[in-house]
Amino acid sequence: MGRIFGLLLGVLAIWAASEVYLHGTDGAFGGALARFAGDEASPHDGRSLGVRSGEKVENAYSEADARREKLLGE
């Protein structure tokens, strides 16, 4: 019984950590942890980590293409 309880507790801890990692304290668990984060505003607008990083990659590609086109155009 103790092993099952320990395994369940471990799975619960991993799930809670992943929620906070992906959504931040403002978005995890419906914002229940937001009061512990302090008065600072969230650095993102509620989008997940994958969406934010994907947009940064797309922006970096478009900036590199714009630089390349500018250099080749001259």
Protein backbone atom coordinates (compact mmCIF):
# COMPACT_ATOMS: atom_id res chain seq x y z
CA MET A 1 0.00 0.00 0.00
CA GLY A 2 2.87 2.34 0.80
CA ARG A 3 4.45 1.81 -2.62
CA ILE A 4 1.21 2.61 -4.40
CA PHE A 5 0.83 5.77 -2.34
CA GLY A 6 4.42 6.79 -3.12
CA LEU A 7 3.95 6.12 -6.84
CA LEU A 8 0.72 8.10 -6.89
CA LEU A 9 2.38 10.97 -5.06
CA GLY A 10 5.28 10.96 -7.55
CA VAL A 11 2.92 11.01 -10.54
CA LEU A 12 0.94 13.84 -8.96
CA ALA A 13 4.12 15.86 -8.36
CA ILE A 14 5.27 15.39 -11.96
CA TRP A 15 1.88 16.44 -13.28
CA ALA A 16 1.77 19.55 -11.07
CA ALA A 17 5.31 20.52 -12.06
CA SER A 18 4.50 20.15 -15.75
CA GLU A 19 1.39 22.32 -15.38
CA VAL A 20 3.40 25.11 -13.76
CA TYR A 21 6.21 24.74 -16.31
CA LEU A 22 3.90 24.87 -19.34
CA HIS A 23 1.42 27.49 -18.16
CA GLY A 24 3.26 29.44 -15.48
CA THR A 25 1.74 30.18 -12.11
CA ASP A 26 -0.87 32.47 -13.66
CA GLY A 27 -2.30 29.79 -15.93
CA ALA A 28 -1.73 26.57 -14.03
CA PHE A 29 -4.75 25.13 -12.22
CA GLY A 30 -6.97 28.00 -13.35
CA GLY A 31 -4.72 30.63 -11.79
CA ALA A 32 -4.89 29.16 -8.30
CA LEU A 33 -1.15 29.68 -7.82
CA ALA A 34 -1.10 33.25 -9.15
CA ARG A 35 -1.22 34.78 -5.68
CA PHE A 36 2.06 33.07 -4.76
CA ALA A 37 3.87 34.51 -7.79
CA GLY A 38 3.78 38.08 -6.50
CA ASP A 39 2.38 41.25 -8.01
CA GLU A 40 4.41 41.06 -11.21
CA ALA A 41 2.56 40.63 -14.48
CA SER A 42 2.96 37.42 -16.39
CA PRO A 43 5.70 37.57 -19.04
CA HIS A 44 3.36 35.94 -21.57
CA ASP A 45 -0.31 36.23 -22.41
CA GLY A 46 -1.43 32.75 -21.43
CA ARG A 47 -0.04 30.92 -24.44
CA SER A 48 1.69 27.62 -23.85
CA LEU A 49 5.45 27.20 -23.97
CA GLY A 50 5.30 25.41 -27.33
CA VAL A 51 3.27 28.16 -28.98
CA ARG A 52 5.53 30.91 -27.64
CA SER A 53 8.73 29.17 -28.69
CA GLY A 54 7.27 28.33 -32.11
CA GLU A 55 6.44 31.97 -32.73
CA LYS A 56 9.96 33.01 -31.70
CA VAL A 57 11.44 30.51 -34.17
CA GLU A 58 9.17 31.75 -36.97
CA ASN A 59 10.13 35.35 -36.19
CA ALA A 60 13.82 34.47 -36.24
CA TYR A 61 13.44 32.76 -39.64
CA SER A 62 11.57 35.71 -41.11
CA GLU A 63 14.16 38.19 -39.79
CA ALA A 64 16.97 36.09 -41.27
CA ASP A 65 15.16 35.92 -44.60
CA ALA A 66 14.66 39.69 -44.58
CA ARG A 67 18.37 40.27 -43.88
CA ARG A 68 19.33 37.82 -46.60
CA GLU A 69 17.01 39.47 -49.15
CA LYS A 70 18.37 42.89 -48.23
CA LEU A 71 21.99 41.75 -48.70
CA LEU A 72 21.27 39.94 -51.97
CA GLY A 73 19.26 42.84 -53.32
CA GLU A 74 22.19 45.26 -53.11
